[in-house]
């Protein structure tokens, strides 16, 4: 067919039923194609602006470069469809199935993909700006590397095992989202809302997570090596067995956080609030805890070798069986701490009560 040919919905469906499959560049603005079956059809660069495609079937179709802005794709099936470089600005795709689809470089600004299925989909370099909704969407196993998703609503979305290296999620809402074993290395998560999110065993190496809210989040076994969490809130967060070595945790709120057996070697925790936190068995080799609030924290059996605790608040801190060899601190501070069986900075063992 001719490029940019104007077609009515009826003409498209008639020619399709007669076996024609090449409709590249077709103009189908505001076409009514509800429940139409256009699977395995070439619709590259077609114009579906404001079209009604509710419950349509576009399985394995070619929609590369297509304009689907303001179209309604709710409950449609676009499984393994090629949507590379397409425009879905203002598109409604509630409950739409994009499993295995290619959305590389697609524009999804102000789109509504609530409860959409994007299992294994590729959104590499896709642009989902403020106003886009992916609440309760299933993005498990999806690839979102270098995608721009600042300010996107991903409340309760499922991103289990998603690949999100260098993604921009600044200011996004991911409260209650599931990111178990997700790969988010070097991602920008500044100002993100991850309240009560599930991030166990996620990899977030060198990620920027500044001024973020992770209160109540599950980060058990997560890899946050060299991540920057400066000024974030992790009140009541679960970080058991997490790797936070060399991480920037300055000024962090970790009140009552669970950091049992966590790796905090060479981490910077200056001025952090760790009051009431559980760091039993944690490793804090050469950690910087100057001015940190460790009041009533549990550091029993923790390794604090060569750590800096100058000016730290150790009121009511449990340091029993902890190793403080070479640690720098004000000795007077230890008077307020429980030291039964602890190895002191000079190598002497404190008497057991």
C-alpha atoms as a PDB file:
ATOM      1  CA  UNK A   1       0.000   0.000   0.000  1.00  0.00           C
ATOM      2  CA  UNK A   2       1.009   3.631  -0.377  1.00  0.00           C
ATOM      3  CA  UNK A   3       2.787   5.354   2.485  1.00  0.00           C
ATOM      4  CA  UNK A   4       0.425   7.514   4.612  1.00  0.00           C
ATOM      5  CA  UNK A   5      -2.680   6.110   2.899  1.00  0.00           C
ATOM      6  CA  UNK A   6      -5.886   7.127   4.675  1.00  0.00           C
ATOM      7  CA  UNK A   7      -7.933   4.106   5.663  1.00  0.00           C
ATOM      8  CA  UNK A   8     -11.240   3.616   7.408  1.00  0.00           C
ATOM      9  CA  UNK A   9     -11.531   0.858   9.972  1.00  0.00           C
ATOM     10  CA  UNK A  10     -13.913  -1.089   7.701  1.00  0.00           C
ATOM     11  CA  UNK A  11     -11.563  -0.854   4.715  1.00  0.00           C
ATOM     12  CA  UNK A  12      -8.620  -2.034   6.811  1.00  0.00           C
ATOM     13  CA  UNK A  13     -10.541  -4.998   8.176  1.00  0.00           C
ATOM     14  CA  UNK A  14     -11.911  -5.950   4.751  1.00  0.00           C
ATOM     15  CA  UNK A  15      -8.502  -5.923   3.118  1.00  0.00           C
ATOM     16  CA  UNK A  16      -7.027  -7.755   6.109  1.00  0.00           C
ATOM     17  CA  UNK A  17      -9.677 -10.474   5.869  1.00  0.00           C
ATOM     18  CA  UNK A  18      -8.702 -10.874   2.194  1.00  0.00           C
ATOM     19  CA  UNK A  19      -5.166 -11.713   3.240  1.00  0.00           C
ATOM     20  CA  UNK A  20      -3.418  -8.347   2.979  1.00  0.00           C
ATOM     21  CA  UNK A  21      -0.929  -7.816   5.790  1.00  0.00           C
ATOM     22  CA  UNK A  22       1.149  -4.792   4.793  1.00  0.00           C
ATOM     23  CA  UNK A  23      -0.388  -1.539   6.044  1.00  0.00           C
ATOM     24  CA  UNK A  24       2.763   0.357   6.855  1.00  0.00           C
ATOM     25  CA  UNK A  25       2.228   4.107   7.266  1.00  0.00           C
ATOM     26  CA  UNK A  26      -1.574   3.773   7.246  1.00  0.00           C
ATOM     27  CA  UNK A  27      -3.523   6.688   8.699  1.00  0.00           C
ATOM     28  CA  UNK A  28      -6.171   5.310  11.060  1.00  0.00           C
ATOM     29  CA  UNK A  29      -6.789   8.333  13.252  1.00  0.00           C
ATOM     30  CA  UNK A  30      -9.685   7.736  15.677  1.00  0.00           C
ATOM     31  CA  UNK A  31     -10.444   4.417  13.970  1.00  0.00           C
ATOM     32  CA  UNK A  32     -12.862   2.105  15.758  1.00  0.00           C
ATOM     33  CA  UNK A  33     -11.027  -1.226  15.922  1.00  0.00           C
ATOM     34  CA  UNK A  34     -12.386  -2.631  19.145  1.00  0.00           C
ATOM     35  CA  UNK A  35     -11.741  -6.411  19.351  1.00  0.00           C
ATOM     36  CA  UNK A  36     -10.126  -6.391  15.885  1.00  0.00           C
ATOM     37  CA  UNK A  37      -7.598  -9.126  15.117  1.00  0.00           C
ATOM     38  CA  UNK A  38      -4.549  -7.588  13.455  1.00  0.00           C
ATOM     39  CA  UNK A  39      -1.971 -10.068  14.656  1.00  0.00           C
ATOM     40  CA  UNK A  40       1.221 -10.468  12.606  1.00  0.00           C
ATOM     41  CA  UNK A  41       0.346  -7.420  10.508  1.00  0.00           C
ATOM     42  CA  UNK A  42       2.846  -4.799   9.359  1.00  0.00           C
ATOM     43  CA  UNK A  43       1.570  -1.512  10.775  1.00  0.00           C
ATOM     44  CA  UNK A  44       4.937   0.193  11.121  1.00  0.00           C
ATOM     45  CA  UNK A  45       4.720   4.000  11.213  1.00  0.00           C
ATOM     46  CA  UNK A  46       0.914   3.774  11.168  1.00  0.00           C
ATOM     47  CA  UNK A  47      -1.101   6.546  12.801  1.00  0.00           C
ATOM     48  CA  UNK A  48      -3.536   5.211  15.408  1.00  0.00           C
ATOM     49  CA  UNK A  49      -3.928   8.481  17.283  1.00  0.00           C
ATOM     50  CA  UNK A  50      -7.119   8.430  19.417  1.00  0.00           C
ATOM     51  CA  UNK A  51      -8.022   5.015  17.960  1.00  0.00           C
ATOM     52  CA  UNK A  52     -10.220   2.567  19.878  1.00  0.00           C
ATOM     53  CA  UNK A  53      -8.253  -0.687  20.131  1.00  0.00           C
ATOM     54  CA  UNK A  54      -9.885  -2.056  23.285  1.00  0.00           C
ATOM     55  CA  UNK A  55      -9.497  -5.848  23.491  1.00  0.00           C
ATOM     56  CA  UNK A  56      -7.897  -5.936  20.036  1.00  0.00           C
ATOM     57  CA  UNK A  57      -5.285  -8.532  19.091  1.00  0.00           C
ATOM     58  CA  UNK A  58      -1.972  -7.250  17.761  1.00  0.00           C
ATOM     59  CA  UNK A  59       0.111 -10.291  18.632  1.00  0.00           C
ATOM     60  CA  UNK A  60       3.536 -10.239  16.931  1.00  0.00           C
ATOM     61  CA  UNK A  61       2.435  -7.244  14.864  1.00  0.00           C
ATOM     62  CA  UNK A  62       4.945  -4.672  13.620  1.00  0.00           C
ATOM     63  CA  UNK A  63       4.098  -1.276  15.108  1.00  0.00           C
ATOM     64  CA  UNK A  64       7.613   0.093  14.937  1.00  0.00           C
ATOM     65  CA  UNK A  65       7.456   3.898  14.930  1.00  0.00           C
ATOM     66  CA  UNK A  66       3.651   3.884  15.116  1.00  0.00           C
ATOM     67  CA  UNK A  67       1.705   6.743  16.695  1.00  0.00           C
ATOM     68  CA  UNK A  68      -0.640   5.347  19.356  1.00  0.00           C
ATOM     69  CA  UNK A  69      -0.939   8.573  21.309  1.00  0.00           C
ATOM     70  CA  UNK A  70      -4.273   8.965  23.129  1.00  0.00           C
ATOM     71  CA  UNK A  71      -5.397   5.586  21.785  1.00  0.00           C
ATOM     72  CA  UNK A  72      -7.236   3.154  24.026  1.00  0.00           C
ATOM     73  CA  UNK A  73      -5.500  -0.233  24.187  1.00  0.00           C
ATOM     74  CA  UNK A  74      -7.121  -1.493  27.371  1.00  0.00           C
ATOM     75  CA  UNK A  75      -7.221  -5.303  27.622  1.00  0.00           C
ATOM     76  CA  UNK A  76      -5.600  -5.579  24.179  1.00  0.00           C
ATOM     77  CA  UNK A  77      -3.033  -8.295  23.424  1.00  0.00           C
ATOM     78  CA  UNK A  78       0.291  -7.037  22.101  1.00  0.00           C
ATOM     79  CA  UNK A  79       2.319 -10.121  22.961  1.00  0.00           C
ATOM     80  CA  UNK A  80       5.758 -10.061  21.295  1.00  0.00           C
ATOM     81  CA  UNK A  81       4.681  -6.992  19.328  1.00  0.00           C
ATOM     82  CA  UNK A  82       7.318  -4.628  17.937  1.00  0.00           C
ATOM     83  CA  UNK A  83       6.632  -1.150  19.334  1.00  0.00           C
ATOM     84  CA  UNK A  84      10.178   0.134  19.063  1.00  0.00           C
ATOM     85  CA  UNK A  85      10.293   3.930  18.800  1.00  0.00           C
ATOM     86  CA  UNK A  86       6.510   4.181  18.967  1.00  0.00           C
ATOM     87  CA  UNK A  87       4.569   6.972  20.661  1.00  0.00           C
ATOM     88  CA  UNK A  88       2.135   6.052  23.424  1.00  0.00           C
ATOM     89  CA  UNK A  89       1.759   9.556  24.817  1.00  0.00           C
ATOM     90  CA  UNK A  90      -1.480   9.778  26.764  1.00  0.00           C
ATOM     91  CA  UNK A  91      -2.341   6.201  25.766  1.00  0.00           C
ATOM     92  CA  UNK A  92      -4.708   4.178  27.945  1.00  0.00           C
ATOM     93  CA  UNK A  93      -3.486   0.588  28.231  1.00  0.00           C
ATOM     94  CA  UNK A  94      -5.114  -0.666  31.417  1.00  0.00           C
ATOM     95  CA  UNK A  95      -4.666  -4.422  31.777  1.00  0.00           C
ATOM     96  CA  UNK A  96      -3.013  -4.649  28.356  1.00  0.00           C
ATOM     97  CA  UNK A  97      -0.739  -7.621  27.687  1.00  0.00           C
ATOM     98  CA  UNK A  98       2.671  -6.499  26.393  1.00  0.00           C
ATOM     99  CA  UNK A  99       4.466  -9.741  27.322  1.00  0.00           C
ATOM    100  CA  UNK A 100       7.724 -10.057  25.403  1.00  0.00           C
ATOM    101  CA  UNK A 101       6.994  -6.864  23.461  1.00  0.00           C
ATOM    102  CA  UNK A 102       9.715  -4.588  22.145  1.00  0.00           C
ATOM    103  CA  UNK A 103       9.206  -1.053  23.484  1.00  0.00           C
ATOM    104  CA  UNK A 104      12.816   0.030  23.043  1.00  0.00           C
ATOM    105  CA  UNK A 105      12.986   3.802  22.734  1.00  0.00           C
ATOM    106  CA  UNK A 106       9.209   4.154  22.994  1.00  0.00           C
ATOM    107  CA  UNK A 107       7.629   7.324  24.405  1.00  0.00           C
ATOM    108  CA  UNK A 108       5.046   6.597  27.115  1.00  0.00           C
ATOM    109  CA  UNK A 109       4.577  10.044  28.598  1.00  0.00           C
ATOM    110  CA  UNK A 110       1.343  10.450  30.622  1.00  0.00           C
ATOM    111  CA  UNK A 111       0.314   6.914  29.655  1.00  0.00           C
ATOM    112  CA  UNK A 112      -1.856   4.742  31.891  1.00  0.00           C
ATOM    113  CA  UNK A 113      -0.550   1.168  32.015  1.00  0.00           C
ATOM    114  CA  UNK A 114      -2.159   0.234  35.325  1.00  0.00           C
ATOM    115  CA  UNK A 115      -2.262  -3.544  35.776  1.00  0.00           C
ATOM    116  CA  UNK A 116      -0.600  -3.999  32.389  1.00  0.00           C
ATOM    117  CA  UNK A 117       1.412  -7.177  31.753  1.00  0.00           C
ATOM    118  CA  UNK A 118       4.955  -6.476  30.566  1.00  0.00           C
ATOM    119  CA  UNK A 119       6.605  -9.763  31.510  1.00  0.00           C
ATOM    120  CA  UNK A 120       9.927 -10.041  29.680  1.00  0.00           C
ATOM    121  CA  UNK A 121       9.263  -6.865  27.697  1.00  0.00           C
ATOM    122  CA  UNK A 122      12.118  -4.647  26.512  1.00  0.00           C
ATOM    123  CA  UNK A 123      11.875  -0.977  27.471  1.00  0.00           C
ATOM    124  CA  UNK A 124      15.542  -0.135  26.962  1.00  0.00           C
ATOM    125  CA  UNK A 125      15.867   3.635  26.685  1.00  0.00           C
ATOM    126  CA  UNK A 126      12.095   4.089  26.863  1.00  0.00           C
ATOM    127  CA  UNK A 127      10.765   7.414  28.147  1.00  0.00           C
ATOM    128  CA  UNK A 128       8.031   7.307  30.801  1.00  0.00           C
ATOM    129  CA  UNK A 129       7.755  10.780  32.269  1.00  0.00           C
ATOM    130  CA  UNK A 130       5.712  12.390  35.062  1.00  0.00           C
ATOM    131  CA  UNK A 131       2.084  11.358  34.930  1.00  0.00           C
ATOM    132  CA  UNK A 132       2.673   7.839  33.619  1.00  0.00           C
ATOM    133  CA  UNK A 133       0.988   5.121  35.673  1.00  0.00           C
ATOM    134  CA  UNK A 134       2.137   1.528  36.049  1.00  0.00           C
ATOM    135  CA  UNK A 135       0.351   0.762  39.308  1.00  0.00           C
ATOM    136  CA  UNK A 136       0.165  -2.996  39.923  1.00  0.00           C
ATOM    137  CA  UNK A 137       1.762  -3.615  36.516  1.00  0.00           C
ATOM    138  CA  UNK A 138       3.722  -6.842  36.041  1.00  0.00           C
ATOM    139  CA  UNK A 139       7.216  -6.059  34.748  1.00  0.00           C
ATOM    140  CA  UNK A 140       8.900  -9.207  36.024  1.00  0.00           C
ATOM    141  CA  UNK A 141      11.920 -10.088  33.912  1.00  0.00           C
ATOM    142  CA  UNK A 142      11.548  -6.891  31.874  1.00  0.00           C
ATOM    143  CA  UNK A 143      14.573  -4.930  30.647  1.00  0.00           C
ATOM    144  CA  UNK A 144      14.461  -1.238  31.567  1.00  0.00           C
ATOM    145  CA  UNK A 145      18.125  -0.315  31.230  1.00  0.00           C
ATOM    146  CA  UNK A 146      18.645   3.430  30.715  1.00  0.00           C
ATOM    147  CA  UNK A 147      14.889   4.020  30.700  1.00  0.00           C
ATOM    148  CA  UNK A 148      13.722   7.438  31.900  1.00  0.00           C
ATOM    149  CA  UNK A 149      11.006   6.865  34.502  1.00  0.00           C
ATOM    150  CA  UNK A 150      11.257   9.924  36.711  1.00  0.00           C
ATOM    151  CA  UNK A 151       8.074  10.600  38.654  1.00  0.00           C
ATOM    152  CA  UNK A 152       6.327   7.446  37.389  1.00  0.00           C
ATOM    153  CA  UNK A 153       3.734   5.752  39.608  1.00  0.00           C
ATOM    154  CA  UNK A 154       4.780   2.104  40.101  1.00  0.00           C
ATOM    155  CA  UNK A 155       2.840   1.483  43.301  1.00  0.00           C
ATOM    156  CA  UNK A 156       2.669  -2.262  44.006  1.00  0.00           C
ATOM    157  CA  UNK A 157       4.210  -3.060  40.621  1.00  0.00           C
ATOM    158  CA  UNK A 158       6.055  -6.368  40.170  1.00  0.00           C
ATOM    159  CA  UNK A 159       9.628  -5.953  38.892  1.00  0.00           C
ATOM    160  CA  UNK A 160      11.038  -9.257  40.088  1.00  0.00           C
ATOM    161  CA  UNK A 161      14.348  -9.984  38.327  1.00  0.00           C
ATOM    162  CA  UNK A 162      13.925  -6.897  36.135  1.00  0.00           C
ATOM    163  CA  UNK A 163      17.109  -5.527  34.540  1.00  0.00           C
ATOM    164  CA  UNK A 164      17.242  -1.813  35.299  1.00  0.00           C
ATOM    165  CA  UNK A 165      20.891  -0.779  35.062  1.00  0.00           C
ATOM    166  CA  UNK A 166      21.347   2.995  34.791  1.00  0.00           C
ATOM    167  CA  UNK A 167      17.581   3.557  34.941  1.00  0.00           C
ATOM    168  CA  UNK A 168      16.279   6.974  36.029  1.00  0.00           C
ATOM    169  CA  UNK A 169      13.621   6.452  38.700  1.00  0.00           C
ATOM    170  CA  UNK A 170      14.128   9.764  40.464  1.00  0.00           C
ATOM    171  CA  UNK A 171      11.009  10.863  42.305  1.00  0.00           C
ATOM    172  CA  UNK A 172       9.101   7.725  41.317  1.00  0.00           C
ATOM    173  CA  UNK A 173       6.487   6.158  43.589  1.00  0.00           C
ATOM    174  CA  UNK A 174       7.297   2.483  44.145  1.00  0.00           C
ATOM    175  CA  UNK A 175       5.666   1.976  47.504  1.00  0.00           C
ATOM    176  CA  UNK A 176       4.831  -1.673  48.053  1.00  0.00           C
ATOM    177  CA  UNK A 177       6.541  -2.642  44.783  1.00  0.00           C
ATOM    178  CA  UNK A 178       8.321  -5.988  44.389  1.00  0.00           C
ATOM    179  CA  UNK A 179      11.904  -5.793  43.104  1.00  0.00           C
ATOM    180  CA  UNK A 180      13.230  -9.116  44.367  1.00  0.00           C
ATOM    181  CA  UNK A 181      16.576  -9.904  42.687  1.00  0.00           C
ATOM    182  CA  UNK A 182      16.191  -6.879  40.410  1.00  0.00           C
ATOM    183  CA  UNK A 183      19.374  -5.495  38.836  1.00  0.00           C
ATOM    184  CA  UNK A 184      19.504  -1.718  39.412  1.00  0.00           C
ATOM    185  CA  UNK A 185      23.251  -1.052  39.364  1.00  0.00           C
ATOM    186  CA  UNK A 186      24.177   2.626  38.819  1.00  0.00           C
ATOM    187  CA  UNK A 187      20.519   3.607  38.737  1.00  0.00           C
ATOM    188  CA  UNK A 188      19.241   7.030  39.763  1.00  0.00           C
ATOM    189  CA  UNK A 189      16.709   6.528  42.556  1.00  0.00           C
ATOM    190  CA  UNK A 190      17.056   9.901  44.249  1.00  0.00           C
ATOM    191  CA  UNK A 191      13.890  11.008  46.011  1.00  0.00           C
ATOM    192  CA  UNK A 192      12.152   7.712  45.258  1.00  0.00           C
ATOM    193  CA  UNK A 193       9.344   6.336  47.451  1.00  0.00           C
ATOM    194  CA  UNK A 194      10.100   2.682  48.304  1.00  0.00           C
ATOM    195  CA  UNK A 195       8.065   2.476  51.503  1.00  0.00           C
ATOM    196  CA  UNK A 196       7.510  -1.201  52.383  1.00  0.00           C
ATOM    197  CA  UNK A 197       8.907  -2.284  49.005  1.00  0.00           C
ATOM    198  CA  UNK A 198      10.413  -5.763  48.567  1.00  0.00           C
ATOM    199  CA  UNK A 199      14.050  -5.551  47.425  1.00  0.00           C
ATOM    200  CA  UNK A 200      15.529  -8.712  48.874  1.00  0.00           C
ATOM    201  CA  UNK A 201      18.692  -9.824  47.045  1.00  0.00           C
ATOM    202  CA  UNK A 202      18.398  -6.883  44.639  1.00  0.00           C
ATOM    203  CA  UNK A 203      21.643  -5.539  43.165  1.00  0.00           C
ATOM    204  CA  UNK A 204      21.948  -1.777  43.589  1.00  0.00           C
ATOM    205  CA  UNK A 205      25.700  -1.255  43.338  1.00  0.00           C
ATOM    206  CA  UNK A 206      26.802   2.353  42.854  1.00  0.00           C
ATOM    207  CA  UNK A 207      23.170   3.460  42.705  1.00  0.00           C
ATOM    208  CA  UNK A 208      22.160   6.964  43.789  1.00  0.00           C
ATOM    209  CA  UNK A 209      19.396   6.582  46.383  1.00  0.00           C
ATOM    210  CA  UNK A 210      19.725   9.995  48.028  1.00  0.00           C
ATOM    211  CA  UNK A 211      16.825  11.557  49.960  1.00  0.00           C
ATOM    212  CA  UNK A 212      14.752   8.429  49.329  1.00  0.00           C
ATOM    213  CA  UNK A 213      12.099   6.915  51.590  1.00  0.00           C
ATOM    214  CA  UNK A 214      12.760   3.229  52.242  1.00  0.00           C
ATOM    215  CA  UNK A 215      11.038   2.974  55.603  1.00  0.00           C
ATOM    216  CA  UNK A 216       9.840  -0.563  56.231  1.00  0.00           C
ATOM    217  CA  UNK A 217      11.435  -1.798  52.996  1.00  0.00           C
ATOM    218  CA  UNK A 218      12.840  -5.338  52.789  1.00  0.00           C
ATOM    219  CA  UNK A 219      16.466  -5.119  51.611  1.00  0.00           C
ATOM    220  CA  UNK A 220      17.617  -8.374  53.135  1.00  0.00           C
ATOM    221  CA  UNK A 221      20.577  -9.768  51.220  1.00  0.00           C
ATOM    222  CA  UNK A 222      20.584  -6.773  48.861  1.00  0.00           C
ATOM    223  CA  UNK A 223      23.872  -5.607  47.322  1.00  0.00           C
ATOM    224  CA  UNK A 224      24.300  -1.878  47.931  1.00  0.00           C
ATOM    225  CA  UNK A 225      28.066  -1.725  47.631  1.00  0.00           C
ATOM    226  CA  UNK A 226      29.257   1.846  46.986  1.00  0.00           C
ATOM    227  CA  UNK A 227      25.661   3.070  46.770  1.00  0.00           C
ATOM    228  CA  UNK A 228      24.859   6.628  47.860  1.00  0.00           C
ATOM    229  CA  UNK A 229      21.982   6.743  50.341  1.00  0.00           C
ATOM    230  CA  UNK A 230      22.814  10.139  51.768  1.00  0.00           C
ATOM    231  CA  UNK A 231      19.851  11.666  53.613  1.00  0.00           C
ATOM    232  CA  UNK A 232      17.493   8.722  53.035  1.00  0.00           C
ATOM    233  CA  UNK A 233      14.960   7.319  55.490  1.00  0.00           C
ATOM    234  CA  UNK A 234      15.304   3.614  56.306  1.00  0.00           C
ATOM    235  CA  UNK A 235      13.309   3.594  59.537  1.00  0.00           C
ATOM    236  CA  UNK A 236      12.345   0.014  60.328  1.00  0.00           C
ATOM    237  CA  UNK A 237      13.934  -1.285  57.125  1.00  0.00           C
ATOM    238  CA  UNK A 238      15.119  -4.911  56.897  1.00  0.00           C
ATOM    239  CA  UNK A 239      18.771  -5.082  55.841  1.00  0.00           C
ATOM    240  CA  UNK A 240      19.740  -8.427  57.296  1.00  0.00           C
ATOM    241  CA  UNK A 241      22.781  -9.786  55.422  1.00  0.00           C
ATOM    242  CA  UNK A 242      22.851  -6.792  53.064  1.00  0.00           C
ATOM    243  CA  UNK A 243      26.106  -5.621  51.488  1.00  0.00           C
ATOM    244  CA  UNK A 244      26.608  -1.925  52.288  1.00  0.00           C
ATOM    245  CA  UNK A 245      30.375  -1.886  52.053  1.00  0.00           C
ATOM    246  CA  UNK A 246      31.788   1.496  51.001  1.00  0.00           C
ATOM    247  CA  UNK A 247      28.240   2.886  50.844  1.00  0.00           C
ATOM    248  CA  UNK A 248      27.518   6.529  51.641  1.00  0.00           C
ATOM    249  CA  UNK A 249      25.056   6.424  54.531  1.00  0.00           C
ATOM    250  CA  UNK A 250      25.811   9.839  55.977  1.00  0.00           C
ATOM    251  CA  UNK A 251      22.872  11.344  57.853  1.00  0.00           C
ATOM    252  CA  UNK A 252      20.779   8.259  57.174  1.00  0.00           C
ATOM    253  CA  UNK A 253      17.750   7.508  59.332  1.00  0.00           C
ATOM    254  CA  UNK A 254      18.088   3.840  60.319  1.00  0.00           C
ATOM    255  CA  UNK A 255      16.031   3.993  63.500  1.00  0.00           C
ATOM    256  CA  UNK A 256      15.100   0.441  64.538  1.00  0.00           C
ATOM    257  CA  UNK A 257      16.435  -0.941  61.251  1.00  0.00           C
ATOM    258  CA  UNK A 258      17.405  -4.615  61.054  1.00  0.00           C
ATOM    259  CA  UNK A 259      21.061  -4.826  59.986  1.00  0.00           C
ATOM    260  CA  UNK A 260      21.915  -8.203  61.448  1.00  0.00           C
ATOM    261  CA  UNK A 261      25.009  -9.726  59.823  1.00  0.00           C
ATOM    262  CA  UNK A 262      25.139  -6.847  57.324  1.00  0.00           C
ATOM    263  CA  UNK A 263      28.416  -5.908  55.622  1.00  0.00           C
ATOM    264  CA  UNK A 264      29.177  -2.257  56.433  1.00  0.00           C
ATOM    265  CA  UNK A 265      32.925  -2.431  55.896  1.00  0.00           C
ATOM    266  CA  UNK A 266      34.356   1.017  55.086  1.00  0.00           C
ATOM    267  CA  UNK A 267      30.834   2.460  54.958  1.00  0.00           C
ATOM    268  CA  UNK A 268      30.370   6.120  55.826  1.00  0.00           C
ATOM    269  CA  UNK A 269      27.701   6.595  58.523  1.00  0.00           C
ATOM    270  CA  UNK A 270      28.613  10.015  59.823  1.00  0.00           C
ATOM    271  CA  UNK A 271      25.714  11.560  61.708  1.00  0.00           C
ATOM    272  CA  UNK A 272      23.456   8.607  60.919  1.00  0.00           C
ATOM    273  CA  UNK A 273      20.579   7.769  63.255  1.00  0.00           C
ATOM    274  CA  UNK A 274      20.944   4.105  64.242  1.00  0.00           C
ATOM    275  CA  UNK A 275      19.078   4.392  67.525  1.00  0.00           C
ATOM    276  CA  UNK A 276      17.429   1.116  68.437  1.00  0.00           C
ATOM    277  CA  UNK A 277      18.837  -0.572  65.311  1.00  0.00           C
ATOM    278  CA  UNK A 278      19.880  -4.221  65.350  1.00  0.00           C
ATOM    279  CA  UNK A 279      23.450  -4.658  64.083  1.00  0.00           C
ATOM    280  CA  UNK A 280      24.251  -7.888  65.873  1.00  0.00           C
ATOM    281  CA  UNK A 281      26.957  -9.792  64.023  1.00  0.00           C
ATOM    282  CA  UNK A 282      27.396  -6.965  61.517  1.00  0.00           C
ATOM    283  CA  UNK A 283      30.827  -6.220  60.045  1.00  0.00           C
ATOM    284  CA  UNK A 284      31.884  -2.557  60.317  1.00  0.00           C
ATOM    285  CA  UNK A 285      35.588  -2.758  59.529  1.00  0.00           C
ATOM    286  CA  UNK A 286      36.967   0.788  59.133  1.00  0.00           C
ATOM    287  CA  UNK A 287      33.423   2.163  59.118  1.00  0.00           C
ATOM    288  CA  UNK A 288      33.014   5.885  59.762  1.00  0.00           C
ATOM    289  CA  UNK A 289      30.480   6.333  62.582  1.00  0.00           C
ATOM    290  CA  UNK A 290      31.562   9.756  63.762  1.00  0.00           C
ATOM    291  CA  UNK A 291      28.685  11.590  65.370  1.00  0.00           C
ATOM    292  CA  UNK A 292      26.293   8.698  64.734  1.00  0.00           C
ATOM    293  CA  UNK A 293      23.426   8.021  67.115  1.00  0.00           C
ATOM    294  CA  UNK A 294      23.809   4.413  68.315  1.00  0.00           C
ATOM    295  CA  UNK A 295      21.761   4.815  71.472  1.00  0.00           C
ATOM    296  CA  UNK A 296      20.093   1.551  72.492  1.00  0.00           C
ATOM    297  CA  UNK A 297      21.348  -0.115  69.310  1.00  0.00           C
ATOM    298  CA  UNK A 298      22.316  -3.787  69.384  1.00  0.00           C
ATOM    299  CA  UNK A 299      25.886  -4.364  68.194  1.00  0.00           C
ATOM    300  CA  UNK A 300      26.462  -7.602  70.033  1.00  0.00           C
ATOM    301  CA  UNK A 301      29.121  -9.671  68.288  1.00  0.00           C
ATOM    302  CA  UNK A 302      29.674  -6.917  65.720  1.00  0.00           C
ATOM    303  CA  UNK A 303      33.098  -6.347  64.184  1.00  0.00           C
ATOM    304  CA  UNK A 304      34.143  -2.720  64.660  1.00  0.00           C
ATOM    305  CA  UNK A 305      37.851  -3.078  63.989  1.00  0.00           C
ATOM    306  CA  UNK A 306      39.543   0.220  63.120  1.00  0.00           C
ATOM    307  CA  UNK A 307      36.163   1.946  63.014  1.00  0.00           C
ATOM    308  CA  UNK A 308      35.744   5.606  63.924  1.00  0.00           C
ATOM    309  CA  UNK A 309      33.220   6.245  66.712  1.00  0.00           C
ATOM    310  CA  UNK A 310      34.373   9.692  67.791  1.00  0.00           C
ATOM    311  CA  UNK A 311      31.423  11.696  69.036  1.00  0.00           C
ATOM    312  CA  UNK A 312      29.031   8.783  68.607  1.00  0.00           C
ATOM    313  CA  UNK A 313      26.147   8.418  71.052  1.00  0.00           C
ATOM    314  CA  UNK A 314      26.576   5.031  72.747  1.00  0.00           C
ATOM    315  CA  UNK A 315      23.995   5.491  75.487  1.00  0.00           C
ATOM    316  CA  UNK A 316      22.469   2.110  76.234  1.00  0.00           C
ATOM    317  CA  UNK A 317      24.284   0.528  73.258  1.00  0.00           C
ATOM    318  CA  UNK A 318      24.806  -3.231  73.444  1.00  0.00           C
ATOM    319  CA  UNK A 319      28.445  -3.931  72.528  1.00  0.00           C
ATOM    320  CA  UNK A 320      28.716  -7.295  74.241  1.00  0.00           C
ATOM    321  CA  UNK A 321      31.147  -9.655  72.469  1.00  0.00           C
ATOM    322  CA  UNK A 322      31.872  -6.902  69.914  1.00  0.00           C
ATOM    323  CA  UNK A 323      35.393  -6.446  68.544  1.00  0.00           C
ATOM    324  CA  UNK A 324      36.591  -2.848  68.963  1.00  0.00           C
ATOM    325  CA  UNK A 325      40.303  -3.373  68.304  1.00  0.00           C
ATOM    326  CA  UNK A 326      41.852  -0.202  66.911  1.00  0.00           C
ATOM    327  CA  UNK A 327      38.559   1.685  67.045  1.00  0.00           C
ATOM    328  CA  UNK A 328      38.784   5.407  67.743  1.00  0.00           C
ATOM    329  CA  UNK A 329      36.278   6.752  70.254  1.00  0.00           C
ATOM    330  CA  UNK A 330      35.900   8.759  73.402  1.00  0.00           C
ATOM    331  CA  UNK A 331      36.516   6.231  76.191  1.00  0.00           C
ATOM    332  CA  UNK A 332      34.015   8.071  78.361  1.00  0.00           C
ATOM    333  CA  UNK A 333      31.291   7.125  75.879  1.00  0.00           C
ATOM    334  CA  UNK A 334      31.788   3.463  76.697  1.00  0.00           C
ATOM    335  CA  UNK A 335      30.618   4.069  80.255  1.00  0.00           C
ATOM    336  CA  UNK A 336      27.067   4.198  78.946  1.00  0.00           C
ATOM    337  CA  UNK A 337      27.358   1.006  76.878  1.00  0.00           C
ATOM    338  CA  UNK A 338      27.035  -2.688  77.709  1.00  0.00           C
ATOM    339  CA  UNK A 339      30.466  -4.229  77.127  1.00  0.00           C
ATOM    340  CA  UNK A 340      30.265  -7.765  78.462  1.00  0.00           C
ATOM    341  CA  UNK A 341      32.908  -9.870  76.692  1.00  0.00           C
ATOM    342  CA  UNK A 342      33.778  -7.084  74.260  1.00  0.00           C
ATOM    343  CA  UNK A 343      37.328  -6.733  72.939  1.00  0.00           C
ATOM    344  CA  UNK A 344      38.300  -3.147  73.698  1.00  0.00           C
ATOM    345  CA  UNK A 345      40.337  -0.824  71.400  1.00  0.00           C
ATOM    346  CA  UNK A 346      43.547  -1.704  73.294  1.00  0.00           C
ATOM    347  CA  UNK A 347      42.987  -5.434  72.801  1.00  0.00           C
ATOM    348  CA  UNK A 348      41.846  -6.157  76.366  1.00  0.00           C
ATOM    349  CA  UNK A 349      38.661  -8.179  76.859  1.00  0.00           C
ATOM    350  CA  UNK A 350      36.015  -6.640  79.057  1.00  0.00           C
ATOM    351  CA  UNK A 351      34.837  -8.842  81.896  1.00  0.00           C
ATOM    352  CA  UNK A 352      31.677 -10.825  81.289  1.00  0.00           C
ATOM    353  CA  UNK A 353      28.822  -9.935  83.583  1.00  0.00           C
END
